[in-house]
Amino acid sequence: MAAYGYIRVSSTDQNDDRQVLAMRELNITPARIFTDKQSGKDFERPAYKALMKALKPGDLVYILSIDRLGRNYDEIQNQWRILTKERGADIAVIDMPLLDTRREKDLMGTFIADIVLQILSFVAANERDNIRKRQSEGIAAAKARGVRFGRPVKKPPENFGKLVKQWEKGKLPLSEILKRTGYKRATFYNRLREWRDGRKI
């Protein structure tokens, strides 16, 4: 039997020290620790796929908490089944000792573990939905306060109106306006539309 560790953080700038430390305390060698640095919304992850290839019946997979496996309720349930039933491996969730498929393999033990798994995977998925909702609400609130997202809008020069009038009269080519304003063609037309509408640019 081989013991493996699976670590996941949601982005490359997040710290995985706590998960790494937990694996080291279990004496898992670095070569058997698989780390993904990406969202847990699905299982299209390079390290997770490599772990699945390495697993043999009777092997053991450690994860620190159920949300490190994923945040999608149905997918967590499905992958748990694949790991334990199809691959014949055991799983141990370090932060939740009840979720350890090595212990109490009788009917009652399996029943309790299944209930705990369903509850925790539901909580993980629900938290992901709540994060999305809070992000959407935060963005909406920021926009209501006038916060702009994306690249800052490049202000037109003070003589923008004068340049436009010369262009409209054919006295100034568009290429010269783009040169003087530093705009791309599409940006110029956007600013032109706003200027014509009388809106503040």
Protein backbone atom coordinates (compact mmCIF):
# COMPACT_ATOMS: atom_id res chain seq x y z
CA MET A 1 0.00 0.00 0.00
CA ALA A 2 1.23 3.48 -0.90
CA ALA A 3 0.09 6.67 0.81
CA TYR A 4 -0.41 9.82 -1.26
CA GLY A 5 -1.28 13.40 -0.42
CA TYR A 6 -3.43 15.67 -2.54
CA ILE A 7 -3.16 19.44 -2.12
CA ARG A 8 -5.16 22.16 -3.84
CA VAL A 9 -5.15 25.93 -3.58
CA SER A 10 -7.47 28.09 -5.67
CA SER A 11 -4.77 30.22 -7.34
CA THR A 12 -1.02 30.40 -7.85
CA ASP A 13 -0.59 33.15 -5.27
CA GLN A 14 -2.33 31.29 -2.44
CA ASN A 15 -0.27 29.66 0.28
CA ASP A 16 -0.33 25.86 0.56
CA ASP A 17 1.96 25.67 3.62
CA ARG A 18 -0.73 24.35 5.97
CA GLN A 19 -1.59 21.50 3.64
CA VAL A 20 2.07 20.67 2.96
CA LEU A 21 2.82 20.61 6.70
CA ALA A 22 -0.11 18.25 7.32
CA MET A 23 1.24 15.84 4.69
CA ARG A 24 4.77 15.97 6.10
CA GLU A 25 3.49 15.16 9.58
CA LEU A 26 2.03 11.98 8.05
CA ASN A 27 5.48 11.16 6.61
CA ILE A 28 4.29 11.34 3.01
CA THR A 29 7.28 11.73 0.72
CA PRO A 30 7.36 14.81 -1.55
CA ALA A 31 7.26 12.56 -4.64
CA ARG A 32 3.85 11.29 -3.52
CA ILE A 33 2.32 14.70 -2.85
CA PHE A 34 0.29 16.03 -5.78
CA THR A 35 -0.47 19.75 -5.85
CA ASP A 36 -2.88 21.73 -8.02
CA LYS A 37 -3.05 25.51 -7.97
CA GLN A 38 -6.41 26.21 -9.53
CA SER A 39 -10.12 26.41 -8.82
CA GLY A 40 -11.97 23.44 -7.37
CA LYS A 41 -15.01 23.92 -9.61
CA ASP A 42 -14.16 20.79 -11.63
CA PHE A 43 -11.63 17.97 -11.82
CA GLU A 44 -9.77 19.03 -14.96
CA ARG A 45 -6.56 19.40 -12.95
CA PRO A 46 -3.12 18.10 -14.01
CA ALA A 47 -1.90 16.93 -10.60
CA TYR A 48 -5.21 15.28 -9.74
CA LYS A 49 -5.15 13.38 -13.04
CA ALA A 50 -1.56 12.29 -12.33
CA LEU A 51 -2.63 11.06 -8.89
CA MET A 52 -5.45 9.04 -10.41
CA LYS A 53 -2.99 7.36 -12.78
CA ALA A 54 -0.64 6.50 -9.92
CA LEU A 55 -3.31 5.00 -7.65
CA LYS A 56 -3.55 1.24 -7.20
CA PRO A 57 -6.09 -0.79 -5.22
CA GLY A 58 -5.37 -0.56 -1.52
CA ASP A 59 -3.54 2.80 -1.78
CA LEU A 60 -4.45 5.66 0.52
CA VAL A 61 -5.14 9.32 -0.38
CA TYR A 62 -4.92 12.05 2.26
CA ILE A 63 -6.59 15.43 1.83
CA LEU A 64 -6.65 18.12 4.49
CA SER A 65 -10.35 18.97 4.12
CA ILE A 66 -13.19 17.98 1.84
CA ASP A 67 -13.19 21.32 0.02
CA ARG A 68 -9.61 20.62 -1.13
CA LEU A 69 -11.07 17.80 -3.18
CA GLY A 70 -13.57 20.16 -4.80
CA ARG A 71 -16.43 22.61 -4.33
CA ASN A 72 -19.00 21.07 -6.61
CA TYR A 73 -21.37 18.83 -4.62
CA ASP A 74 -22.12 16.31 -7.38
CA GLU A 75 -18.52 16.10 -8.53
CA ILE A 76 -17.18 15.54 -5.00
CA GLN A 77 -19.64 12.69 -4.56
CA ASN A 78 -18.75 11.23 -7.95
CA GLN A 79 -14.98 11.43 -7.46
CA TRP A 80 -15.28 9.91 -3.99
CA ARG A 81 -17.09 6.97 -5.57
CA ILE A 82 -14.48 6.65 -8.33
CA LEU A 83 -11.59 6.71 -5.87
CA THR A 84 -13.08 4.23 -3.42
CA LYS A 85 -15.17 1.96 -5.63
CA GLU A 86 -13.55 1.98 -9.07
CA ARG A 87 -9.93 2.49 -8.02
CA GLY A 88 -10.27 0.57 -4.76
CA ALA A 89 -8.33 3.22 -2.83
CA ASP A 90 -8.98 4.59 0.66
CA ILE A 91 -9.46 8.28 1.47
CA ALA A 92 -8.68 10.03 4.74
CA VAL A 93 -9.82 13.61 5.35
CA ILE A 94 -7.37 14.93 7.95
CA ASP A 95 -9.63 17.64 9.38
CA MET A 96 -12.59 15.24 9.65
CA PRO A 97 -11.54 11.84 11.11
CA LEU A 98 -15.02 10.43 10.47
CA LEU A 99 -14.24 10.61 6.77
CA ASP A 100 -11.64 7.86 6.75
CA THR A 101 -12.65 4.87 4.67
CA ARG A 102 -10.16 2.62 6.49
CA ARG A 103 -12.14 2.63 9.71
CA GLU A 104 -15.41 0.95 10.58
CA LYS A 105 -16.13 -0.68 7.25
CA ASP A 106 -19.25 -2.36 8.57
CA LEU A 107 -22.69 -1.22 7.43
CA MET A 108 -23.17 1.32 10.23
CA GLY A 109 -19.71 2.82 9.80
CA THR A 110 -20.21 3.18 6.05
CA PHE A 111 -23.66 4.68 6.57
CA ILE A 112 -22.33 7.33 8.98
CA ALA A 113 -19.39 8.18 6.71
CA ASP A 114 -21.73 8.56 3.73
CA ILE A 115 -23.98 10.97 5.66
CA VAL A 116 -20.99 13.05 6.82
CA LEU A 117 -19.61 13.13 3.27
CA GLN A 118 -22.93 14.33 1.85
CA ILE A 119 -23.26 17.05 4.47
CA LEU A 120 -19.69 18.33 4.09
CA SER A 121 -19.69 18.25 0.30
CA PHE A 122 -23.02 20.13 0.33
CA VAL A 123 -21.52 22.73 2.68
CA ALA A 124 -18.46 23.09 0.40
CA ALA A 125 -20.64 23.57 -2.69
CA ASN A 126 -22.94 25.97 -0.85
CA GLU A 127 -19.99 28.05 0.32
CA ARG A 128 -18.76 28.31 -3.27
CA ASP A 129 -22.19 29.61 -4.33
CA ASN A 130 -22.17 32.09 -1.46
CA ILE A 131 -18.71 33.34 -2.47
CA ARG A 132 -19.98 33.89 -6.02
CA LYS A 133 -23.02 35.74 -4.71
CA ARG A 134 -20.91 37.94 -2.43
CA GLN A 135 -18.56 38.72 -5.30
CA SER A 136 -21.48 39.69 -7.56
CA GLU A 137 -23.01 41.85 -4.84
CA GLY A 138 -19.65 43.48 -4.15
CA ILE A 139 -19.12 44.28 -7.82
CA ALA A 140 -22.64 45.69 -8.14
CA ALA A 141 -22.13 47.85 -5.04
CA ALA A 142 -18.77 49.09 -6.32
CA LYS A 143 -20.27 50.00 -9.70
CA ALA A 144 -23.06 51.88 -7.92
CA ARG A 145 -20.35 53.90 -6.14
CA GLY A 146 -18.82 54.74 -9.49
CA VAL A 147 -15.93 52.28 -9.33
CA ARG A 148 -14.81 51.26 -12.79
CA PHE A 149 -13.43 47.81 -13.54
CA GLY A 150 -10.92 46.91 -16.21
CA ARG A 151 -8.57 49.35 -17.86
CA PRO A 152 -8.98 52.99 -16.86
CA VAL A 153 -10.67 55.09 -19.53
CA LYS A 154 -8.19 57.36 -21.29
CA LYS A 155 -9.52 60.89 -21.15
CA PRO A 156 -9.78 62.77 -24.45
CA PRO A 157 -7.67 65.91 -24.88
CA GLU A 158 -9.23 69.26 -24.03
CA ASN A 159 -9.44 70.16 -27.70
CA PHE A 160 -11.27 66.93 -28.57
CA GLY A 161 -14.39 68.79 -29.73
CA LYS A 162 -12.34 71.08 -31.95
CA LEU A 163 -10.54 68.08 -33.49
CA VAL A 164 -13.85 66.35 -34.15
CA LYS A 165 -15.29 69.42 -35.89
CA GLN A 166 -12.22 69.70 -38.12
CA TRP A 167 -12.53 66.01 -38.94
CA GLU A 168 -16.24 66.36 -39.72
CA LYS A 169 -15.45 69.22 -42.11
CA GLY A 170 -12.82 67.12 -43.84
CA LYS A 171 -9.98 69.37 -42.70
CA LEU A 172 -8.34 66.69 -40.57
CA PRO A 173 -7.90 63.00 -41.47
CA LEU A 174 -8.88 60.33 -38.98
CA SER A 175 -5.30 59.07 -38.87
CA GLU A 176 -4.15 62.46 -37.55
CA ILE A 177 -6.83 62.47 -34.83
CA LEU A 178 -5.80 58.97 -33.74
CA LYS A 179 -2.21 60.13 -33.62
CA ARG A 180 -3.00 63.23 -31.53
CA THR A 181 -5.34 61.48 -29.12
CA GLY A 182 -3.46 58.19 -28.85
CA TYR A 183 -6.72 56.32 -29.45
CA LYS A 184 -7.35 53.19 -31.43
CA ARG A 185 -10.07 53.53 -34.07
CA ALA A 186 -12.73 51.76 -31.93
CA THR A 187 -11.87 53.85 -28.86
CA PHE A 188 -12.13 57.05 -30.86
CA TYR A 189 -15.62 56.19 -32.06
CA ASN A 190 -16.67 55.30 -28.50
CA ARG A 191 -15.41 58.67 -27.22
CA LEU A 192 -17.02 60.40 -30.21
CA ARG A 193 -20.39 58.84 -29.42
CA GLU A 194 -20.13 59.90 -25.79
CA TRP A 195 -19.10 63.41 -26.79
CA ARG A 196 -22.04 63.70 -29.19
CA ASP A 197 -24.43 62.42 -26.52
CA GLY A 198 -23.18 65.14 -24.22
CA ARG A 199 -22.10 62.69 -21.55
CA LYS A 200 -19.12 63.20 -19.30
CA ILE A 201 -16.18 61.19 -20.64
